[in-house]
PDB file of all heavy atoms in Angstrom:
ATOM      1  N   VAL A   1      -9.058 -23.295  -9.968  1.00  0.00           N
ATOM      2  CA  VAL A   1      -7.972 -22.342 -10.165  1.00  0.00           C
ATOM      3  C   VAL A   1      -6.703 -22.956  -9.571  1.00  0.00           C
ATOM      4  O   VAL A   1      -6.660 -23.280  -8.387  1.00  0.00           O
ATOM      5  CB  VAL A   1      -8.295 -20.995  -9.484  1.00  0.00           C
ATOM      6  CG1 VAL A   1      -7.092 -20.065  -9.574  1.00  0.00           C
ATOM      7  CG2 VAL A   1      -9.517 -20.358 -10.139  1.00  0.00           C
ATOM      8  N   MET A   2      -5.679 -23.143 -10.400  1.00  0.00           N
ATOM      9  CA  MET A   2      -4.457 -23.809  -9.956  1.00  0.00           C
ATOM     10  C   MET A   2      -3.512 -22.852  -9.241  1.00  0.00           C
ATOM     11  O   MET A   2      -3.023 -23.128  -8.163  1.00  0.00           O
ATOM     12  CB  MET A   2      -3.733 -24.433 -11.148  1.00  0.00           C
ATOM     13  CG  MET A   2      -4.486 -25.579 -11.800  1.00  0.00           C
ATOM     14  SD  MET A   2      -4.800 -26.947 -10.674  1.00  0.00           S
ATOM     15  CE  MET A   2      -3.152 -27.566 -10.401  1.00  0.00           C
ATOM     16  N   ASP A   3      -3.224 -21.723  -9.870  1.00  0.00           N
ATOM     17  CA  ASP A   3      -2.271 -20.788  -9.285  1.00  0.00           C
ATOM     18  C   ASP A   3      -2.840 -19.383  -9.381  1.00  0.00           C
ATOM     19  O   ASP A   3      -3.657 -19.083 -10.251  1.00  0.00           O
ATOM     20  CB  ASP A   3      -0.926 -20.875 -10.030  1.00  0.00           C
ATOM     21  CG  ASP A   3       0.239 -20.339  -9.200  1.00  0.00           C
ATOM     22  OD1 ASP A   3      -0.002 -19.912  -8.056  1.00  0.00           O
ATOM     23  OD2 ASP A   3       1.375 -20.352  -9.703  1.00  0.00           O
ATOM     24  N   ILE A   4      -2.394 -18.523  -8.479  1.00  0.00           N
ATOM     25  CA  ILE A   4      -2.880 -17.144  -8.443  1.00  0.00           C
ATOM     26  C   ILE A   4      -1.723 -16.260  -8.026  1.00  0.00           C
ATOM     27  O   ILE A   4      -0.872 -16.666  -7.225  1.00  0.00           O
ATOM     28  CB  ILE A   4      -4.076 -17.019  -7.466  1.00  0.00           C
ATOM     29  CG1 ILE A   4      -4.633 -15.592  -7.457  1.00  0.00           C
ATOM     30  CG2 ILE A   4      -3.712 -17.457  -6.055  1.00  0.00           C
ATOM     31  CD1 ILE A   4      -5.941 -15.466  -6.686  1.00  0.00           C
ATOM     32  N   LEU A   5      -1.635 -15.069  -8.610  1.00  0.00           N
ATOM     33  CA  LEU A   5      -0.590 -14.128  -8.218  1.00  0.00           C
ATOM     34  C   LEU A   5      -1.089 -12.708  -8.434  1.00  0.00           C
ATOM     35  O   LEU A   5      -2.072 -12.484  -9.125  1.00  0.00           O
ATOM     36  CB  LEU A   5       0.705 -14.376  -9.005  1.00  0.00           C
ATOM     37  CG  LEU A   5       0.675 -14.332 -10.527  1.00  0.00           C
ATOM     38  CD1 LEU A   5       0.797 -12.908 -11.042  1.00  0.00           C
ATOM     39  CD2 LEU A   5       1.815 -15.157 -11.094  1.00  0.00           C
ATOM     40  N   VAL A   6      -0.393 -11.760  -7.812  1.00  0.00           N
ATOM     41  CA  VAL A   6      -0.655 -10.342  -8.050  1.00  0.00           C
ATOM     42  C   VAL A   6       0.466  -9.804  -8.926  1.00  0.00           C
ATOM     43  O   VAL A   6       1.643  -9.896  -8.580  1.00  0.00           O
ATOM     44  CB  VAL A   6      -0.754  -9.548  -6.739  1.00  0.00           C
ATOM     45  CG1 VAL A   6      -0.816  -8.054  -7.030  1.00  0.00           C
ATOM     46  CG2 VAL A   6      -1.989  -9.966  -5.956  1.00  0.00           C
ATOM     47  N   PHE A   7       0.078  -9.268 -10.082  1.00  0.00           N
ATOM     48  CA  PHE A   7       1.019  -8.673 -11.033  1.00  0.00           C
ATOM     49  C   PHE A   7       1.177  -7.203 -10.642  1.00  0.00           C
ATOM     50  O   PHE A   7       0.289  -6.395 -10.873  1.00  0.00           O
ATOM     51  CB  PHE A   7       0.439  -8.805 -12.446  1.00  0.00           C
ATOM     52  CG  PHE A   7       1.357  -8.369 -13.552  1.00  0.00           C
ATOM     53  CD1 PHE A   7       2.009  -9.307 -14.324  1.00  0.00           C
ATOM     54  CD2 PHE A   7       1.542  -7.022 -13.846  1.00  0.00           C
ATOM     55  CE1 PHE A   7       2.843  -8.912 -15.366  1.00  0.00           C
ATOM     56  CE2 PHE A   7       2.376  -6.618 -14.871  1.00  0.00           C
ATOM     57  CZ  PHE A   7       3.029  -7.563 -15.640  1.00  0.00           C
ATOM     58  N   HIS A   8       2.295  -6.861 -10.009  1.00  0.00           N
ATOM     59  CA  HIS A   8       2.535  -5.481  -9.595  1.00  0.00           C
ATOM     60  C   HIS A   8       4.030  -5.272  -9.398  1.00  0.00           C
ATOM     61  O   HIS A   8       4.733  -6.177  -8.945  1.00  0.00           O
ATOM     62  CB  HIS A   8       1.787  -5.164  -8.285  1.00  0.00           C
ATOM     63  CG  HIS A   8       1.880  -3.713  -7.906  1.00  0.00           C
ATOM     64  ND1 HIS A   8       2.783  -3.246  -6.990  1.00  0.00           N
ATOM     65  CD2 HIS A   8       1.191  -2.629  -8.343  1.00  0.00           C
ATOM     66  CE1 HIS A   8       2.642  -1.922  -6.860  1.00  0.00           C
ATOM     67  NE2 HIS A   8       1.681  -1.533  -7.675  1.00  0.00           N
ATOM     68  N   SER A   9       4.505  -4.065  -9.715  1.00  0.00           N
ATOM     69  CA  SER A   9       5.953  -3.811  -9.682  1.00  0.00           C
ATOM     70  C   SER A   9       6.529  -3.969  -8.274  1.00  0.00           C
ATOM     71  O   SER A   9       7.692  -4.345  -8.119  1.00  0.00           O
ATOM     72  CB  SER A   9       6.251  -2.412 -10.213  1.00  0.00           C
ATOM     73  OG  SER A   9       5.525  -1.451  -9.482  1.00  0.00           O
ATOM     74  N   SER A  10       5.719  -3.708  -7.214  1.00  0.00           N
ATOM     75  CA  SER A  10       6.254  -3.805  -5.857  1.00  0.00           C
ATOM     76  C   SER A  10       6.611  -5.238  -5.486  1.00  0.00           C
ATOM     77  O   SER A  10       7.370  -5.467  -4.548  1.00  0.00           O
ATOM     78  CB  SER A  10       5.241  -3.259  -4.844  1.00  0.00           C
ATOM     79  OG  SER A  10       4.124  -4.127  -4.740  1.00  0.00           O
ATOM     80  N   ARG A  11       6.070  -6.221  -6.208  1.00  0.00           N
ATOM     81  CA  ARG A  11       6.417  -7.619  -5.932  1.00  0.00           C
ATOM     82  C   ARG A  11       7.779  -7.974  -6.515  1.00  0.00           C
ATOM     83  O   ARG A  11       8.287  -9.060  -6.274  1.00  0.00           O
ATOM     84  CB  ARG A  11       5.359  -8.567  -6.525  1.00  0.00           C
ATOM     85  CG  ARG A  11       3.982  -8.467  -5.927  1.00  0.00           C
ATOM     86  CD  ARG A  11       3.834  -9.157  -4.588  1.00  0.00           C
ATOM     87  NE  ARG A  11       4.218 -10.558  -4.600  1.00  0.00           N
ATOM     88  CZ  ARG A  11       4.583 -11.228  -3.510  1.00  0.00           C
ATOM     89  NH1 ARG A  11       4.628 -10.622  -2.339  1.00  0.00           N
ATOM     90  NH2 ARG A  11       4.910 -12.496  -3.577  1.00  0.00           N
ATOM     91  N   GLN A  12       8.373  -7.067  -7.324  1.00  0.00           N
ATOM     92  CA  GLN A  12       9.661  -7.386  -7.945  1.00  0.00           C
ATOM     93  C   GLN A  12      10.637  -6.220  -7.796  1.00  0.00           C
ATOM     94  O   GLN A  12      11.192  -5.711  -8.765  1.00  0.00           O
ATOM     95  CB  GLN A  12       9.450  -7.785  -9.418  1.00  0.00           C
ATOM     96  CG  GLN A  12       8.626  -9.061  -9.544  1.00  0.00           C
ATOM     97  CD  GLN A  12       8.638  -9.684 -10.918  1.00  0.00           C
ATOM     98  OE1 GLN A  12       8.905  -9.034 -11.924  1.00  0.00           O
ATOM     99  NE2 GLN A  12       8.325 -10.976 -10.980  1.00  0.00           N
ATOM    100  N   ASP A  13      10.813  -5.802  -6.551  1.00  0.00           N
ATOM    101  CA  ASP A  13      11.764  -4.737  -6.214  1.00  0.00           C
ATOM    102  C   ASP A  13      13.133  -5.319  -5.901  1.00  0.00           C
ATOM    103  O   ASP A  13      13.336  -6.520  -5.959  1.00  0.00           O
ATOM    104  CB  ASP A  13      11.267  -3.997  -4.947  1.00  0.00           C
ATOM    105  CG  ASP A  13      10.377  -2.825  -5.328  1.00  0.00           C
ATOM    106  OD1 ASP A  13      10.352  -2.480  -6.519  1.00  0.00           O
ATOM    107  OD2 ASP A  13       9.716  -2.267  -4.443  1.00  0.00           O
ATOM    108  N   GLY A  14      14.038  -4.438  -5.477  1.00  0.00           N
ATOM    109  CA  GLY A  14      15.300  -4.885  -4.895  1.00  0.00           C
ATOM    110  C   GLY A  14      16.458  -4.931  -5.877  1.00  0.00           C
ATOM    111  O   GLY A  14      16.303  -4.675  -7.069  1.00  0.00           O
ATOM    112  N   LEU A  15      17.624  -5.290  -5.361  1.00  0.00           N
ATOM    113  CA  LEU A  15      18.852  -5.367  -6.157  1.00  0.00           C
ATOM    114  C   LEU A  15      19.700  -6.539  -5.677  1.00  0.00           C
ATOM    115  O   LEU A  15      19.665  -6.903  -4.509  1.00  0.00           O
ATOM    116  CB  LEU A  15      19.683  -4.088  -5.992  1.00  0.00           C
ATOM    117  CG  LEU A  15      19.271  -2.853  -6.797  1.00  0.00           C
ATOM    118  CD1 LEU A  15      20.100  -1.664  -6.360  1.00  0.00           C
ATOM    119  CD2 LEU A  15      19.409  -3.090  -8.286  1.00  0.00           C
ATOM    120  N   ASN A  16      20.460  -7.124  -6.592  1.00  0.00           N
ATOM    121  CA  ASN A  16      21.539  -8.045  -6.219  1.00  0.00           C
ATOM    122  C   ASN A  16      22.632  -7.965  -7.273  1.00  0.00           C
ATOM    123  O   ASN A  16      22.525  -7.181  -8.229  1.00  0.00           O
ATOM    124  CB  ASN A  16      21.018  -9.479  -5.985  1.00  0.00           C
ATOM    125  CG  ASN A  16      20.570 -10.182  -7.270  1.00  0.00           C
ATOM    126  OD1 ASN A  16      20.921  -9.770  -8.381  1.00  0.00           O
ATOM    127  ND2 ASN A  16      19.792 -11.237  -7.118  1.00  0.00           N
ATOM    128  N   ASP A  17      23.666  -8.770  -7.119  1.00  0.00           N
ATOM    129  CA  ASP A  17      24.837  -8.646  -8.002  1.00  0.00           C
ATOM    130  C   ASP A  17      24.570  -9.150  -9.414  1.00  0.00           C
ATOM    131  O   ASP A  17      25.414  -8.969 -10.296  1.00  0.00           O
ATOM    132  CB  ASP A  17      26.029  -9.420  -7.404  1.00  0.00           C
ATOM    133  CG  ASP A  17      26.517  -8.799  -6.103  1.00  0.00           C
ATOM    134  OD1 ASP A  17      26.306  -7.589  -5.933  1.00  0.00           O
ATOM    135  OD2 ASP A  17      27.087  -9.528  -5.264  1.00  0.00           O
ATOM    136  N   CYS A  18      23.447  -9.817  -9.651  1.00  0.00           N
ATOM    137  CA  CYS A  18      23.165 -10.343 -10.987  1.00  0.00           C
ATOM    138  C   CYS A  18      22.483  -9.306 -11.890  1.00  0.00           C
ATOM    139  O   CYS A  18      22.367  -9.512 -13.095  1.00  0.00           O
ATOM    140  CB  CYS A  18      22.271 -11.584 -10.901  1.00  0.00           C
ATOM    141  SG  CYS A  18      23.107 -13.021 -10.196  1.00  0.00           S
ATOM    142  N   VAL A  19      22.019  -8.202 -11.302  1.00  0.00           N
ATOM    143  CA  VAL A  19      21.258  -7.218 -12.087  1.00  0.00           C
ATOM    144  C   VAL A  19      22.153  -6.557 -13.135  1.00  0.00           C
ATOM    145  O   VAL A  19      21.741  -6.361 -14.279  1.00  0.00           O
ATOM    146  CB  VAL A  19      20.630  -6.161 -11.140  1.00  0.00           C
ATOM    147  CG1 VAL A  19      20.020  -5.019 -11.938  1.00  0.00           C
ATOM    148  CG2 VAL A  19      19.586  -6.805 -10.251  1.00  0.00           C
ATOM    149  N   GLN A  20      23.395  -6.213 -12.764  1.00  0.00           N
ATOM    150  CA  GLN A  20      24.313  -5.556 -13.703  1.00  0.00           C
ATOM    151  C   GLN A  20      25.017  -6.581 -14.581  1.00  0.00           C
ATOM    152  O   GLN A  20      25.767  -7.421 -14.086  1.00  0.00           O
ATOM    153  CB  GLN A  20      25.376  -4.759 -12.920  1.00  0.00           C
ATOM    154  CG  GLN A  20      24.832  -3.533 -12.207  1.00  0.00           C
ATOM    155  CD  GLN A  20      24.414  -2.431 -13.167  1.00  0.00           C
ATOM    156  OE1 GLN A  20      24.911  -2.345 -14.288  1.00  0.00           O
ATOM    157  NE2 GLN A  20      23.477  -1.597 -12.738  1.00  0.00           N
ATOM    158  N   ASN A  21      24.744  -6.525 -15.887  1.00  0.00           N
ATOM    159  CA  ASN A  21      25.484  -7.361 -16.858  1.00  0.00           C
ATOM    160  C   ASN A  21      25.497  -8.836 -16.524  1.00  0.00           C
ATOM    161  O   ASN A  21      26.489  -9.526 -16.766  1.00  0.00           O
ATOM    162  CB  ASN A  21      26.936  -6.885 -16.988  1.00  0.00           C
ATOM    163  CG  ASN A  21      27.025  -5.568 -17.725  1.00  0.00           C
ATOM    164  OD1 ASN A  21      26.167  -5.267 -18.545  1.00  0.00           O
ATOM    165  ND2 ASN A  21      28.026  -4.781 -17.410  1.00  0.00           N
ATOM    166  N   ASN A  22      24.403  -9.327 -15.905  1.00  0.00           N
ATOM    167  CA  ASN A  22      24.314 -10.754 -15.588  1.00  0.00           C
ATOM    168  C   ASN A  22      25.493 -11.205 -14.725  1.00  0.00           C
ATOM    169  O   ASN A  22      25.952 -12.346 -14.803  1.00  0.00           O
ATOM    170  CB  ASN A  22      24.241 -11.589 -16.886  1.00  0.00           C
ATOM    171  CG  ASN A  22      23.761 -13.012 -16.644  1.00  0.00           C
ATOM    172  OD1 ASN A  22      22.830 -13.230 -15.872  1.00  0.00           O
ATOM    173  ND2 ASN A  22      24.390 -13.981 -17.295  1.00  0.00           N
ATOM    174  N   GLY A  23      26.027 -10.276 -13.868  1.00  0.00           N
ATOM    175  CA  GLY A  23      27.185 -10.606 -13.030  1.00  0.00           C
ATOM    176  C   GLY A  23      28.426 -10.947 -13.845  1.00  0.00           C
ATOM    177  O   GLY A  23      29.344 -11.593 -13.338  1.00  0.00           O
ATOM    178  N   HIS A  24      28.427 -10.532 -15.129  1.00  0.00           N
ATOM    179  CA  HIS A  24      29.500 -10.870 -16.091  1.00  0.00           C
ATOM    180  C   HIS A  24      29.634 -12.380 -16.283  1.00  0.00           C
ATOM    181  O   HIS A  24      30.715 -12.869 -16.664  1.00  0.00           O
ATOM    182  CB  HIS A  24      30.840 -10.258 -15.662  1.00  0.00           C
ATOM    183  CG  HIS A  24      30.805  -8.753 -15.580  1.00  0.00           C
ATOM    184  ND1 HIS A  24      30.833  -7.937 -16.693  1.00  0.00           N
ATOM    185  CD2 HIS A  24      30.699  -7.924 -14.510  1.00  0.00           C
ATOM    186  CE1 HIS A  24      30.754  -6.672 -16.312  1.00  0.00           C
ATOM    187  NE2 HIS A  24      30.673  -6.633 -14.991  1.00  0.00           N
ATOM    188  N   CYS A  25      28.566 -13.126 -15.984  1.00  0.00           N
ATOM    189  CA  CYS A  25      28.594 -14.576 -16.200  1.00  0.00           C
ATOM    190  C   CYS A  25      28.248 -14.878 -17.656  1.00  0.00           C
ATOM    191  O   CYS A  25      27.360 -14.245 -18.238  1.00  0.00           O
ATOM    192  CB  CYS A  25      27.569 -15.274 -15.293  1.00  0.00           C
ATOM    193  SG  CYS A  25      27.882 -15.089 -13.534  1.00  0.00           S
ATOM    194  N   GLY A  26      28.922 -15.881 -18.204  1.00  0.00           N
ATOM    195  CA  GLY A  26      28.645 -16.264 -19.587  1.00  0.00           C
ATOM    196  C   GLY A  26      27.261 -16.872 -19.771  1.00  0.00           C
ATOM    197  O   GLY A  26      26.574 -16.589 -20.748  1.00  0.00           O
ATOM    198  N   HIS A  27      26.833 -17.729 -18.835  1.00  0.00           N
ATOM    199  CA  HIS A  27      25.525 -18.387 -18.945  1.00  0.00           C
ATOM    200  C   HIS A  27      24.560 -17.875 -17.887  1.00  0.00           C
ATOM    201  O   HIS A  27      23.750 -16.996 -18.152  1.00  0.00           O
ATOM    202  CB  HIS A  27      25.681 -19.907 -18.835  1.00  0.00           C
ATOM    203  CG  HIS A  27      26.254 -20.547 -20.061  1.00  0.00           C
ATOM    204  ND1 HIS A  27      26.344 -21.912 -20.226  1.00  0.00           N
ATOM    205  CD2 HIS A  27      26.786 -20.011 -21.188  1.00  0.00           C
ATOM    206  CE1 HIS A  27      26.886 -22.195 -21.401  1.00  0.00           C
ATOM    207  NE2 HIS A  27      27.173 -21.056 -21.999  1.00  0.00           N
ATOM    208  N   LEU A  28      24.649 -18.420 -16.664  1.00  0.00           N
ATOM    209  CA  LEU A  28      23.672 -18.135 -15.619  1.00  0.00           C
ATOM    210  C   LEU A  28      24.319 -17.384 -14.464  1.00  0.00           C
ATOM    211  O   LEU A  28      25.419 -17.743 -14.036  1.00  0.00           O
ATOM    212  CB  LEU A  28      23.072 -19.438 -15.068  1.00  0.00           C
ATOM    213  CG  LEU A  28      22.328 -20.332 -16.059  1.00  0.00           C
ATOM    214  CD1 LEU A  28      22.208 -21.748 -15.492  1.00  0.00           C
ATOM    215  CD2 LEU A  28      20.950 -19.774 -16.363  1.00  0.00           C
TER     216      LEU A  28
END
C-alpha cells in the first residue's frame, strides 16, 4: 500500500482568501 488517507469533510474545513472567486486571480 503506497498511500492512505481518510476521506471525510472534517479533513477539509476552514477558510482563506482564495475561497471567494479564486481571490479574483486570473489563473492561480
